[in-house]
Amino acid sequence: MDLIRIIFAVILPPLGVFLQVGLGKHFWLNILLTLLGYIPGIVHAVWVIARTPSHA
């Protein structure tokens, strides 16, 4: 499942973060980072997915 989230994180970073943590602070931070620059959004999304345990 993490592989799917990482793929979503590369295509649309906020979606990957949302699938991992929901509508929390990391989601909103990722939207901001993605708006400021696509690459920072991707880096943050992959970092969140890699460090946060799955809740599924």
N, C-alpha and C. Protein backbone atom coordinates (compact mmCIF):
# COMPACT_ATOMS: atom_id res chain seq x y z
N MET A 1 0.83 -1.20 0.00
CA MET A 1 0.00 0.00 0.00
C MET A 1 0.87 1.26 0.00
N ASP A 2 2.03 1.23 0.67
CA ASP A 2 2.91 2.40 0.66
C ASP A 2 3.39 2.73 -0.74
N LEU A 3 3.60 1.73 -1.57
CA LEU A 3 4.03 1.98 -2.94
C LEU A 3 2.97 2.79 -3.69
N ILE A 4 1.72 2.44 -3.50
CA ILE A 4 0.63 3.18 -4.15
C ILE A 4 0.60 4.62 -3.65
N ARG A 5 0.78 4.81 -2.35
CA ARG A 5 0.80 6.17 -1.79
C ARG A 5 1.96 6.98 -2.34
N ILE A 6 3.11 6.36 -2.51
CA ILE A 6 4.27 7.07 -3.04
C ILE A 6 4.04 7.44 -4.50
N ILE A 7 3.40 6.57 -5.26
CA ILE A 7 3.06 6.90 -6.65
C ILE A 7 2.12 8.10 -6.68
N PHE A 8 1.09 8.08 -5.82
CA PHE A 8 0.19 9.23 -5.73
C PHE A 8 0.94 10.48 -5.30
N ALA A 9 1.92 10.32 -4.40
CA ALA A 9 2.69 11.46 -3.91
C ALA A 9 3.50 12.12 -5.02
N VAL A 10 3.96 11.33 -5.98
CA VAL A 10 4.71 11.89 -7.10
C VAL A 10 3.77 12.58 -8.09
N ILE A 11 2.60 11.97 -8.32
CA ILE A 11 1.65 12.54 -9.27
C ILE A 11 0.94 13.76 -8.68
N LEU A 12 0.41 13.61 -7.45
CA LEU A 12 -0.33 14.68 -6.78
C LEU A 12 0.00 14.59 -5.28
N PRO A 13 1.03 15.32 -4.83
CA PRO A 13 1.53 15.18 -3.47
C PRO A 13 0.48 15.26 -2.35
N PRO A 14 -0.47 16.21 -2.38
CA PRO A 14 -1.44 16.25 -1.29
C PRO A 14 -2.30 14.98 -1.19
N LEU A 15 -2.56 14.33 -2.31
CA LEU A 15 -3.34 13.09 -2.28
C LEU A 15 -2.59 11.99 -1.55
N GLY A 16 -1.29 11.87 -1.80
CA GLY A 16 -0.50 10.87 -1.10
C GLY A 16 -0.48 11.11 0.40
N VAL A 17 -0.37 12.37 0.81
CA VAL A 17 -0.38 12.71 2.24
C VAL A 17 -1.75 12.45 2.84
N PHE A 18 -2.81 12.81 2.11
CA PHE A 18 -4.16 12.58 2.60
C PHE A 18 -4.42 11.09 2.82
N LEU A 19 -3.98 10.25 1.91
CA LEU A 19 -4.18 8.81 2.06
C LEU A 19 -3.42 8.25 3.27
N GLN A 20 -2.34 8.92 3.65
CA GLN A 20 -1.54 8.45 4.79
C GLN A 20 -2.05 8.99 6.12
N VAL A 21 -2.31 10.29 6.21
CA VAL A 21 -2.63 10.90 7.52
C VAL A 21 -3.99 11.58 7.59
N GLY A 22 -4.70 11.70 6.49
CA GLY A 22 -6.00 12.36 6.52
C GLY A 22 -5.86 13.87 6.44
N LEU A 23 -6.88 14.58 6.94
CA LEU A 23 -6.92 16.05 6.84
C LEU A 23 -6.26 16.71 8.05
N GLY A 24 -5.04 16.37 8.32
CA GLY A 24 -4.32 16.95 9.45
C GLY A 24 -3.40 18.06 9.00
N LYS A 25 -2.51 18.44 9.93
CA LYS A 25 -1.60 19.55 9.64
C LYS A 25 -0.63 19.23 8.51
N HIS A 26 -0.24 17.96 8.38
CA HIS A 26 0.68 17.60 7.30
C HIS A 26 0.02 17.76 5.93
N PHE A 27 -1.27 17.48 5.85
CA PHE A 27 -1.99 17.65 4.59
C PHE A 27 -1.98 19.12 4.15
N TRP A 28 -2.33 20.01 5.07
CA TRP A 28 -2.40 21.43 4.73
C TRP A 28 -1.01 22.00 4.45
N LEU A 29 -0.01 21.54 5.19
CA LEU A 29 1.36 21.96 4.93
C LEU A 29 1.80 21.51 3.54
N ASN A 30 1.39 20.30 3.17
CA ASN A 30 1.77 19.79 1.86
C ASN A 30 1.10 20.58 0.74
N ILE A 31 -0.14 20.98 0.94
CA ILE A 31 -0.80 21.81 -0.07
C ILE A 31 -0.03 23.12 -0.25
N LEU A 32 0.37 23.74 0.86
CA LEU A 32 1.14 24.98 0.79
C LEU A 32 2.47 24.76 0.07
N LEU A 33 3.18 23.70 0.43
CA LEU A 33 4.47 23.41 -0.21
C LEU A 33 4.30 23.11 -1.69
N THR A 34 3.24 22.42 -2.05
CA THR A 34 3.00 22.10 -3.46
C THR A 34 2.68 23.37 -4.25
N LEU A 35 1.94 24.28 -3.63
CA LEU A 35 1.65 25.55 -4.32
C LEU A 35 2.90 26.41 -4.49
N LEU A 36 3.80 26.34 -3.51
CA LEU A 36 5.04 27.12 -3.59
C LEU A 36 6.05 26.50 -4.55
N GLY A 37 5.97 25.21 -4.74
CA GLY A 37 6.87 24.51 -5.65
C GLY A 37 6.53 23.04 -5.65
N TYR A 38 6.44 22.46 -6.81
CA TYR A 38 6.02 21.07 -6.92
C TYR A 38 6.99 20.11 -6.23
N ILE A 39 8.28 20.34 -6.39
CA ILE A 39 9.30 19.44 -5.82
C ILE A 39 9.26 19.44 -4.29
N PRO A 40 9.16 20.59 -3.60
CA PRO A 40 9.03 20.54 -2.14
C PRO A 40 7.80 19.76 -1.68
N GLY A 41 6.72 19.84 -2.44
CA GLY A 41 5.53 19.07 -2.11
C GLY A 41 5.77 17.58 -2.21
N ILE A 42 6.48 17.17 -3.24
CA ILE A 42 6.80 15.75 -3.41
C ILE A 42 7.71 15.26 -2.30
N VAL A 43 8.74 16.03 -2.00
CA VAL A 43 9.69 15.64 -0.94
C VAL A 43 8.96 15.50 0.39
N HIS A 44 8.11 16.45 0.73
CA HIS A 44 7.38 16.38 1.99
C HIS A 44 6.43 15.19 2.00
N ALA A 45 5.74 14.94 0.90
CA ALA A 45 4.80 13.82 0.83
C ALA A 45 5.51 12.49 1.03
N VAL A 46 6.62 12.29 0.36
CA VAL A 46 7.37 11.03 0.51
C VAL A 46 7.90 10.91 1.93
N TRP A 47 8.35 12.00 2.51
CA TRP A 47 8.84 11.98 3.89
C TRP A 47 7.73 11.59 4.86
N VAL A 48 6.55 12.16 4.70
CA VAL A 48 5.41 11.83 5.57
C VAL A 48 5.03 10.37 5.41
N ILE A 49 4.98 9.88 4.19
CA ILE A 49 4.60 8.49 3.96
C ILE A 49 5.64 7.54 4.54
N ALA A 50 6.92 7.88 4.41
CA ALA A 50 7.98 7.01 4.91
C ALA A 50 8.07 6.97 6.42
N ARG A 51 7.74 8.06 7.12
CA ARG A 51 7.93 8.09 8.57
C ARG A 51 6.68 7.81 9.37
N THR A 52 5.50 7.92 8.77
CA THR A 52 4.25 7.74 9.51
C THR A 52 3.75 6.31 9.31
N PRO A 53 3.50 5.60 10.41
CA PRO A 53 2.96 4.24 10.24
C PRO A 53 1.55 4.27 9.65
N SER A 54 1.25 3.28 8.86
CA SER A 54 -0.08 3.19 8.24
C SER A 54 -1.15 3.00 9.30
N HIS A 55 -2.30 3.65 9.11
CA HIS A 55 -3.40 3.47 10.04
C HIS A 55 -4.44 2.51 9.49
N ALA A 56 -4.09 1.80 8.41
CA ALA A 56 -5.04 0.85 7.82
C ALA A 56 -4.77 -0.56 8.27
